[in-house]
Amino acid sequence: MRRHVRPVIAGLLFTFGLWSAQASAAVTVGIGDAAGLPGSDVEVTVSLSGTQGDVAAVQLDILFPDTTLSVSPADDCTLAPQLPESLSFFVFQPAPNRARFLVIDHGYPGALMGDGDLFTCAFHILPEPSESVAELLADRVEVSDDFAMPVPASAENGTVSVLLCGNGSIDPDEACDDGSDNGTSFSCCTASCEFVPDGEASCDGNECTRPDTCTAGVCTPGGCADGGVCTVCGGSCVDSGSSCECE
């Protein structure tokens, strides 16, 4: 279940200096990478490193191109399951291309955050994204210790890669694209959207016809295989249980 913190906490942190500028880098807040097809949701994980076990609150804004991605932080973001139950997660979206996250131990002292995953958020790749690689830029990165004092912090940005291979359309630099069939026995197109080498194959989805052939990405079904039951009969071959029949 998602955990929240009341807005008043944010005001308290402001008072104690959580929002002040940081100097040198000690704690690193890292935004992970993700990849997916247009129209799909991808999970981006934010993690901590170099904490030395003294982090009680983290604020992070993630900037992203809203012509490629969208996000609903209140619905699609969750704290890492291994974190203490006393931590609260405050998330909202102050602008179309900005998502803001605040993780805080509101019952301190005691429930400190260490190295590892902090939270995961689902970003939605638009059906017609404007770019193939969307940058996730960290902004307003602030970290505090158990006394609400600022801790030096830096950030590592992430990316969401839009996978065009597999969307069923032949895009630039693709020889073919059979969608979810890419790389399977039902296609003459590989998982990387290149032609399967010309030659014998099993590509029409019918085990009664063989051998099929792939030629420049095009599948040509073979004849009706004679397995003792099925013979070439001028009709269509169908798979009936463990045997082949002609209809």
C-alpha atoms as a PDB file:
ATOM      1  CA  MET A   1       0.000   0.000   0.000  1.00  0.00           C
ATOM      2  CA  ARG A   2       1.318   3.448  -0.874  1.00  0.00           C
ATOM      3  CA  ARG A   3       2.332   5.572   2.094  1.00  0.00           C
ATOM      4  CA  HIS A   4       1.795   9.343   2.262  1.00  0.00           C
ATOM      5  CA  VAL A   5       3.112  12.243   4.309  1.00  0.00           C
ATOM      6  CA  ARG A   6       1.075  15.284   5.172  1.00  0.00           C
ATOM      7  CA  PRO A   7       2.004  18.529   3.360  1.00  0.00           C
ATOM      8  CA  VAL A   8       2.943  20.093   6.717  1.00  0.00           C
ATOM      9  CA  ILE A   9       5.997  17.815   6.805  1.00  0.00           C
ATOM     10  CA  ALA A  10       7.323  19.498   3.693  1.00  0.00           C
ATOM     11  CA  GLY A  11       7.061  22.846   5.482  1.00  0.00           C
ATOM     12  CA  LEU A  12       8.989  21.532   8.469  1.00  0.00           C
ATOM     13  CA  LEU A  13      11.739  20.235   6.227  1.00  0.00           C
ATOM     14  CA  PHE A  14      11.957  23.621   4.569  1.00  0.00           C
ATOM     15  CA  THR A  15      12.407  25.193   8.004  1.00  0.00           C
ATOM     16  CA  PHE A  16      15.193  22.806   8.960  1.00  0.00           C
ATOM     17  CA  GLY A  17      17.103  23.322   5.738  1.00  0.00           C
ATOM     18  CA  LEU A  18      16.246  20.308   3.579  1.00  0.00           C
ATOM     19  CA  TRP A  19      15.780  22.639   0.609  1.00  0.00           C
ATOM     20  CA  SER A  20      19.169  24.341   0.952  1.00  0.00           C
ATOM     21  CA  ALA A  21      21.818  23.945  -1.714  1.00  0.00           C
ATOM     22  CA  GLN A  22      24.292  21.094  -1.355  1.00  0.00           C
ATOM     23  CA  ALA A  23      28.033  21.385  -1.749  1.00  0.00           C
ATOM     24  CA  SER A  24      30.096  18.240  -2.291  1.00  0.00           C
ATOM     25  CA  ALA A  25      28.714  14.841  -3.322  1.00  0.00           C
ATOM     26  CA  ALA A  26      28.260  12.146  -0.670  1.00  0.00           C
ATOM     27  CA  VAL A  27      24.881  10.483  -1.129  1.00  0.00           C
ATOM     28  CA  THR A  28      24.004   9.651  -4.739  1.00  0.00           C
ATOM     29  CA  VAL A  29      20.386   9.507  -5.856  1.00  0.00           C
ATOM     30  CA  GLY A  30      20.296   7.427  -9.046  1.00  0.00           C
ATOM     31  CA  ILE A  31      17.495   7.337 -11.613  1.00  0.00           C
ATOM     32  CA  GLY A  32      17.374   3.976 -13.397  1.00  0.00           C
ATOM     33  CA  ASP A  33      16.951   3.274 -17.106  1.00  0.00           C
ATOM     34  CA  ALA A  34      13.996   1.585 -18.796  1.00  0.00           C
ATOM     35  CA  ALA A  35      12.827   0.598 -22.269  1.00  0.00           C
ATOM     36  CA  GLY A  36       9.475  -0.222 -23.834  1.00  0.00           C
ATOM     37  CA  LEU A  37       7.244  -0.053 -26.887  1.00  0.00           C
ATOM     38  CA  PRO A  38       5.138   3.014 -27.737  1.00  0.00           C
ATOM     39  CA  GLY A  39       1.939   2.985 -25.709  1.00  0.00           C
ATOM     40  CA  SER A  40       3.387   0.782 -22.963  1.00  0.00           C
ATOM     41  CA  ASP A  41       4.214   1.445 -19.295  1.00  0.00           C
ATOM     42  CA  VAL A  42       7.790   1.094 -18.068  1.00  0.00           C
ATOM     43  CA  GLU A  43       9.047   0.979 -14.500  1.00  0.00           C
ATOM     44  CA  VAL A  44      11.803   3.367 -13.453  1.00  0.00           C
ATOM     45  CA  THR A  45      13.543   2.678 -10.142  1.00  0.00           C
ATOM     46  CA  VAL A  46      15.267   5.357  -8.045  1.00  0.00           C
ATOM     47  CA  SER A  47      18.014   4.144  -5.714  1.00  0.00           C
ATOM     48  CA  LEU A  48      20.450   5.460  -3.111  1.00  0.00           C
ATOM     49  CA  SER A  49      24.168   4.861  -2.694  1.00  0.00           C
ATOM     50  CA  GLY A  50      26.838   6.212  -0.352  1.00  0.00           C
ATOM     51  CA  THR A  51      24.298   6.822   2.421  1.00  0.00           C
ATOM     52  CA  GLN A  52      26.366   5.489   5.338  1.00  0.00           C
ATOM     53  CA  GLY A  53      23.023   4.714   6.967  1.00  0.00           C
ATOM     54  CA  ASP A  54      22.165   8.267   7.979  1.00  0.00           C
ATOM     55  CA  VAL A  55      19.440   9.342   5.520  1.00  0.00           C
ATOM     56  CA  ALA A  56      16.027  10.238   6.962  1.00  0.00           C
ATOM     57  CA  ALA A  57      14.518  12.222   4.069  1.00  0.00           C
ATOM     58  CA  VAL A  58      14.982  12.522   0.312  1.00  0.00           C
ATOM     59  CA  GLN A  59      13.400  14.914  -2.160  1.00  0.00           C
ATOM     60  CA  LEU A  60      13.789  14.440  -5.907  1.00  0.00           C
ATOM     61  CA  ASP A  61      12.201  16.069  -8.922  1.00  0.00           C
ATOM     62  CA  ILE A  62      12.380  14.163 -12.223  1.00  0.00           C
ATOM     63  CA  LEU A  63      12.081  16.227 -15.399  1.00  0.00           C
ATOM     64  CA  PHE A  64      10.966  14.350 -18.519  1.00  0.00           C
ATOM     65  CA  PRO A  65       9.819  15.262 -22.066  1.00  0.00           C
ATOM     66  CA  ASP A  66       6.005  15.315 -21.993  1.00  0.00           C
ATOM     67  CA  THR A  67       5.966  14.848 -25.780  1.00  0.00           C
ATOM     68  CA  THR A  68       7.327  11.331 -25.233  1.00  0.00           C
ATOM     69  CA  LEU A  69       6.336  10.314 -21.688  1.00  0.00           C
ATOM     70  CA  SER A  70       3.562  10.837 -19.180  1.00  0.00           C
ATOM     71  CA  VAL A  71       3.261   9.843 -15.536  1.00  0.00           C
ATOM     72  CA  SER A  72       0.655   9.738 -12.778  1.00  0.00           C
ATOM     73  CA  PRO A  73       2.769   9.716  -9.602  1.00  0.00           C
ATOM     74  CA  ALA A  74      -0.156   9.411  -7.203  1.00  0.00           C
ATOM     75  CA  ASP A  75      -1.276   6.160  -8.837  1.00  0.00           C
ATOM     76  CA  ASP A  76       1.832   4.564 -10.297  1.00  0.00           C
ATOM     77  CA  CYS A  77       4.625   5.001  -7.729  1.00  0.00           C
ATOM     78  CA  THR A  78       5.481   2.839  -4.707  1.00  0.00           C
ATOM     79  CA  LEU A  79       8.214   2.700  -2.095  1.00  0.00           C
ATOM     80  CA  ALA A  80      10.615  -0.224  -2.211  1.00  0.00           C
ATOM     81  CA  PRO A  81       9.122  -3.067  -0.140  1.00  0.00           C
ATOM     82  CA  GLN A  82      12.194  -3.511   2.072  1.00  0.00           C
ATOM     83  CA  LEU A  83      11.975   0.033   3.493  1.00  0.00           C
ATOM     84  CA  PRO A  84      10.692   0.580   7.074  1.00  0.00           C
ATOM     85  CA  GLU A  85       6.940   0.962   7.539  1.00  0.00           C
ATOM     86  CA  SER A  86       7.413   4.283   9.359  1.00  0.00           C
ATOM     87  CA  LEU A  87       8.558   5.965   6.139  1.00  0.00           C
ATOM     88  CA  SER A  88       6.043   8.018   4.202  1.00  0.00           C
ATOM     89  CA  PHE A  89       5.977   8.671   0.475  1.00  0.00           C
ATOM     90  CA  PHE A  90       4.693  12.011  -0.809  1.00  0.00           C
ATOM     91  CA  VAL A  91       4.334  12.320  -4.586  1.00  0.00           C
ATOM     92  CA  PHE A  92       2.701  14.783  -6.948  1.00  0.00           C
ATOM     93  CA  GLN A  93       3.128  16.461 -10.332  1.00  0.00           C
ATOM     94  CA  PRO A  94       3.609  20.252 -10.176  1.00  0.00           C
ATOM     95  CA  ALA A  95       3.998  20.591 -13.964  1.00  0.00           C
ATOM     96  CA  PRO A  96       3.293  18.455 -17.069  1.00  0.00           C
ATOM     97  CA  ASN A  97       6.969  17.527 -17.435  1.00  0.00           C
ATOM     98  CA  ARG A  98       7.895  17.313 -13.755  1.00  0.00           C
ATOM     99  CA  ALA A  99       7.290  14.635 -11.104  1.00  0.00           C
ATOM    100  CA  ARG A 100       8.183  15.377  -7.462  1.00  0.00           C
ATOM    101  CA  PHE A 101       8.932  12.772  -4.806  1.00  0.00           C
ATOM    102  CA  LEU A 102       9.500  13.106  -1.069  1.00  0.00           C
ATOM    103  CA  VAL A 103      10.406  10.135   1.131  1.00  0.00           C
ATOM    104  CA  ILE A 104      10.632  10.890   4.847  1.00  0.00           C
ATOM    105  CA  ASP A 105      10.874   9.196   8.216  1.00  0.00           C
ATOM    106  CA  HIS A 106       8.168  11.200  10.000  1.00  0.00           C
ATOM    107  CA  GLY A 107       8.710   9.262  13.247  1.00  0.00           C
ATOM    108  CA  TYR A 108      12.422   9.884  13.576  1.00  0.00           C
ATOM    109  CA  PRO A 109      14.789   9.010  15.064  1.00  0.00           C
ATOM    110  CA  GLY A 110      15.042   5.405  13.967  1.00  0.00           C
ATOM    111  CA  ALA A 111      13.860   4.496  10.465  1.00  0.00           C
ATOM    112  CA  LEU A 112      16.812   5.515   8.361  1.00  0.00           C
ATOM    113  CA  MET A 113      17.290   4.718   4.674  1.00  0.00           C
ATOM    114  CA  GLY A 114      20.406   2.965   3.437  1.00  0.00           C
ATOM    115  CA  ASP A 115      21.867   1.973   0.085  1.00  0.00           C
ATOM    116  CA  GLY A 116      19.512   0.256  -2.348  1.00  0.00           C
ATOM    117  CA  ASP A 117      16.224   0.843  -4.120  1.00  0.00           C
ATOM    118  CA  LEU A 118      14.163   3.772  -2.873  1.00  0.00           C
ATOM    119  CA  PHE A 119      10.998   3.743  -5.007  1.00  0.00           C
ATOM    120  CA  THR A 120       9.658   2.653  -8.382  1.00  0.00           C
ATOM    121  CA  CYS A 121       7.472   4.734 -10.658  1.00  0.00           C
ATOM    122  CA  ALA A 122       5.676   3.746 -13.876  1.00  0.00           C
ATOM    123  CA  PHE A 123       6.146   6.091 -16.829  1.00  0.00           C
ATOM    124  CA  HIS A 124       3.844   5.773 -19.838  1.00  0.00           C
ATOM    125  CA  ILE A 125       5.374   5.966 -23.310  1.00  0.00           C
ATOM    126  CA  LEU A 126       2.995   7.886 -25.547  1.00  0.00           C
ATOM    127  CA  PRO A 127       1.514   6.020 -28.545  1.00  0.00           C
ATOM    128  CA  GLU A 128       3.324   8.420 -30.882  1.00  0.00           C
ATOM    129  CA  PRO A 129       6.442   9.553 -28.978  1.00  0.00           C
ATOM    130  CA  SER A 130       8.430  12.442 -30.396  1.00  0.00           C
ATOM    131  CA  GLU A 131      11.824  10.877 -29.689  1.00  0.00           C
ATOM    132  CA  SER A 132      13.352   7.440 -29.355  1.00  0.00           C
ATOM    133  CA  VAL A 133      15.306   8.197 -26.154  1.00  0.00           C
ATOM    134  CA  ALA A 134      13.725  10.291 -23.407  1.00  0.00           C
ATOM    135  CA  GLU A 135      16.018  11.719 -20.736  1.00  0.00           C
ATOM    136  CA  LEU A 136      15.004  11.593 -17.072  1.00  0.00           C
ATOM    137  CA  LEU A 137      16.762  14.541 -15.441  1.00  0.00           C
ATOM    138  CA  ALA A 138      17.167  14.899 -11.673  1.00  0.00           C
ATOM    139  CA  ASP A 139      16.287  18.323 -10.284  1.00  0.00           C
ATOM    140  CA  ARG A 140      15.980  19.789  -6.756  1.00  0.00           C
ATOM    141  CA  VAL A 141      17.775  16.811  -5.224  1.00  0.00           C
ATOM    142  CA  GLU A 142      17.821  17.286  -1.451  1.00  0.00           C
ATOM    143  CA  VAL A 143      18.784  14.818   1.288  1.00  0.00           C
ATOM    144  CA  SER A 144      18.676  15.211   5.080  1.00  0.00           C
ATOM    145  CA  ASP A 145      19.817  13.192   8.073  1.00  0.00           C
ATOM    146  CA  ASP A 146      17.948  12.182  11.222  1.00  0.00           C
ATOM    147  CA  PHE A 147      18.332  15.692  12.645  1.00  0.00           C
ATOM    148  CA  ALA A 148      16.747  17.281   9.563  1.00  0.00           C
ATOM    149  CA  MET A 149      20.132  18.662   8.572  1.00  0.00           C
ATOM    150  CA  PRO A 150      21.219  18.730   4.911  1.00  0.00           C
ATOM    151  CA  VAL A 151      23.436  15.905   3.659  1.00  0.00           C
ATOM    152  CA  PRO A 152      25.673  16.539   0.610  1.00  0.00           C
ATOM    153  CA  ALA A 153      24.056  14.810  -2.365  1.00  0.00           C
ATOM    154  CA  SER A 154      24.341  14.393  -6.110  1.00  0.00           C
ATOM    155  CA  ALA A 155      22.252  12.622  -8.727  1.00  0.00           C
ATOM    156  CA  GLU A 156      22.604  10.318 -11.712  1.00  0.00           C
ATOM    157  CA  ASN A 157      20.147  10.850 -14.561  1.00  0.00           C
ATOM    158  CA  GLY A 158      18.329   8.051 -16.385  1.00  0.00           C
ATOM    159  CA  THR A 159      16.741   7.383 -19.768  1.00  0.00           C
ATOM    160  CA  VAL A 160      13.684   5.680 -21.214  1.00  0.00           C
ATOM    161  CA  SER A 161      14.390   4.088 -24.582  1.00  0.00           C
ATOM    162  CA  VAL A 162      11.471   3.746 -26.982  1.00  0.00           C
ATOM    163  CA  LEU A 163      11.613   0.366 -28.700  1.00  0.00           C
ATOM    164  CA  LEU A 164      10.286   0.655 -32.237  1.00  0.00           C
ATOM    165  CA  CYS A 165      11.183  -2.929 -33.134  1.00  0.00           C
ATOM    166  CA  GLY A 166       8.116  -4.927 -32.177  1.00  0.00           C
ATOM    167  CA  ASN A 167       5.466  -2.272 -32.811  1.00  0.00           C
ATOM    168  CA  GLY A 168       4.319  -3.968 -36.031  1.00  0.00           C
ATOM    169  CA  SER A 169       5.416  -1.105 -38.294  1.00  0.00           C
ATOM    170  CA  ILE A 170       8.575  -1.027 -40.379  1.00  0.00           C
ATOM    171  CA  ASP A 171      10.458   1.980 -39.055  1.00  0.00           C
ATOM    172  CA  PRO A 172      13.774   3.451 -40.284  1.00  0.00           C
ATOM    173  CA  ASP A 173      16.701   1.020 -39.885  1.00  0.00           C
ATOM    174  CA  GLU A 174      14.291  -1.966 -39.743  1.00  0.00           C
ATOM    175  CA  ALA A 175      14.093  -4.575 -42.489  1.00  0.00           C
ATOM    176  CA  CYS A 176      10.834  -6.030 -41.145  1.00  0.00           C
ATOM    177  CA  ASP A 177       8.519  -5.954 -38.140  1.00  0.00           C
ATOM    178  CA  ASP A 178       5.904  -8.613 -37.409  1.00  0.00           C
ATOM    179  CA  GLY A 179       5.103  -7.233 -33.952  1.00  0.00           C
ATOM    180  CA  SER A 180       4.970  -9.806 -31.166  1.00  0.00           C
ATOM    181  CA  ASP A 181       5.794 -12.603 -33.656  1.00  0.00           C
ATOM    182  CA  ASN A 182       9.312 -11.244 -34.206  1.00  0.00           C
ATOM    183  CA  GLY A 183      11.880 -13.887 -33.365  1.00  0.00           C
ATOM    184  CA  THR A 184       9.333 -16.710 -33.126  1.00  0.00           C
ATOM    185  CA  SER A 185       8.675 -19.661 -35.423  1.00  0.00           C
ATOM    186  CA  PHE A 186       5.688 -17.778 -36.838  1.00  0.00           C
ATOM    187  CA  SER A 187       7.810 -15.097 -38.488  1.00  0.00           C
ATOM    188  CA  CYS A 188      10.624 -14.598 -40.975  1.00  0.00           C
ATOM    189  CA  CYS A 189      11.638 -11.508 -38.979  1.00  0.00           C
ATOM    190  CA  THR A 190      14.124 -11.686 -36.097  1.00  0.00           C
ATOM    191  CA  ALA A 191      13.707 -10.149 -32.655  1.00  0.00           C
ATOM    192  CA  SER A 192      15.973  -7.312 -33.849  1.00  0.00           C
ATOM    193  CA  CYS A 193      13.784  -6.639 -36.923  1.00  0.00           C
ATOM    194  CA  GLU A 194      16.161  -8.175 -39.450  1.00  0.00           C
ATOM    195  CA  PHE A 195      15.304 -10.799 -42.058  1.00  0.00           C
ATOM    196  CA  VAL A 196      15.717 -14.417 -41.004  1.00  0.00           C
ATOM    197  CA  PRO A 197      18.362 -15.925 -43.348  1.00  0.00           C
ATOM    198  CA  ASP A 198      16.790 -17.299 -46.498  1.00  0.00           C
ATOM    199  CA  GLY A 199      16.098 -21.002 -46.437  1.00  0.00           C
ATOM    200  CA  GLU A 200      13.887 -23.656 -44.897  1.00  0.00           C
ATOM    201  CA  ALA A 201      11.873 -22.597 -41.898  1.00  0.00           C
ATOM    202  CA  SER A 202       8.679 -23.207 -39.964  1.00  0.00           C
ATOM    203  CA  CYS A 203       6.950 -19.885 -40.330  1.00  0.00           C
ATOM    204  CA  ASP A 204       3.284 -20.339 -41.262  1.00  0.00           C
ATOM    205  CA  GLY A 205       2.157 -21.713 -37.896  1.00  0.00           C
ATOM    206  CA  ASN A 206       0.965 -24.980 -39.451  1.00  0.00           C
ATOM    207  CA  GLU A 207       2.925 -28.090 -38.558  1.00  0.00           C
ATOM    208  CA  CYS A 208       1.179 -30.011 -41.343  1.00  0.00           C
ATOM    209  CA  THR A 209       2.929 -28.014 -44.072  1.00  0.00           C
ATOM    210  CA  ARG A 210       6.643 -28.407 -44.585  1.00  0.00           C
ATOM    211  CA  PRO A 211       9.113 -27.317 -45.388  1.00  0.00           C
ATOM    212  CA  ASP A 212       8.227 -23.641 -45.252  1.00  0.00           C
ATOM    213  CA  THR A 213      10.767 -21.189 -46.615  1.00  0.00           C
ATOM    214  CA  CYS A 214      11.821 -17.661 -45.674  1.00  0.00           C
ATOM    215  CA  THR A 215      12.909 -15.415 -48.540  1.00  0.00           C
ATOM    216  CA  ALA A 216      13.755 -11.770 -47.838  1.00  0.00           C
ATOM    217  CA  GLY A 217      11.512 -11.852 -44.792  1.00  0.00           C
ATOM    218  CA  VAL A 218       8.559 -13.415 -46.605  1.00  0.00           C
ATOM    219  CA  CYS A 219       7.196 -16.790 -45.500  1.00  0.00           C
ATOM    220  CA  THR A 220       6.171 -19.285 -48.178  1.00  0.00           C
ATOM    221  CA  PRO A 221       4.269 -22.279 -46.741  1.00  0.00           C
ATOM    222  CA  GLY A 222       5.343 -25.731 -47.806  1.00  0.00           C
ATOM    223  CA  GLY A 223       3.210 -28.617 -49.021  1.00  0.00           C
ATOM    224  CA  CYS A 224       1.077 -30.960 -46.965  1.00  0.00           C
ATOM    225  CA  ALA A 225       3.443 -33.312 -45.138  1.00  0.00           C
ATOM    226  CA  ASP A 226       2.850 -37.045 -45.514  1.00  0.00           C
ATOM    227  CA  GLY A 227       2.914 -38.434 -41.994  1.00  0.00           C
ATOM    228  CA  GLY A 228       1.014 -41.609 -42.768  1.00  0.00           C
ATOM    229  CA  VAL A 229      -2.352 -39.879 -42.360  1.00  0.00           C
ATOM    230  CA  CYS A 230      -2.083 -36.677 -44.339  1.00  0.00           C
ATOM    231  CA  THR A 231      -1.298 -36.605 -48.060  1.00  0.00           C
ATOM    232  CA  VAL A 232      -1.306 -33.862 -50.646  1.00  0.00           C
ATOM    233  CA  CYS A 233      -4.960 -33.549 -51.504  1.00  0.00           C
ATOM    234  CA  GLY A 234      -5.306 -30.114 -53.016  1.00  0.00           C
ATOM    235  CA  GLY A 235      -6.989 -28.726 -49.918  1.00  0.00           C
ATOM    236  CA  SER A 236      -5.813 -26.951 -46.783  1.00  0.00           C
ATOM    237  CA  CYS A 237      -3.821 -28.812 -44.160  1.00  0.00           C
ATOM    238  CA  VAL A 238      -4.950 -28.509 -40.551  1.00  0.00           C
ATOM    239  CA  ASP A 239      -3.531 -29.845 -37.296  1.00  0.00           C
ATOM    240  CA  SER A 240      -6.030 -32.216 -35.691  1.00  0.00           C
ATOM    241  CA  GLY A 241      -4.717 -33.356 -32.350  1.00  0.00           C
ATOM    242  CA  SER A 242      -1.602 -35.477 -32.947  1.00  0.00           C
ATOM    243  CA  SER A 243      -2.212 -36.051 -36.637  1.00  0.00           C
ATOM    244  CA  CYS A 244      -2.558 -34.059 -39.833  1.00  0.00           C
ATOM    245  CA  GLU A 245      -5.693 -34.063 -41.870  1.00  0.00           C
ATOM    246  CA  CYS A 246      -6.611 -32.541 -45.230  1.00  0.00           C
ATOM    247  CA  GLU A 247      -9.820 -30.623 -45.617  1.00  0.00           C
END
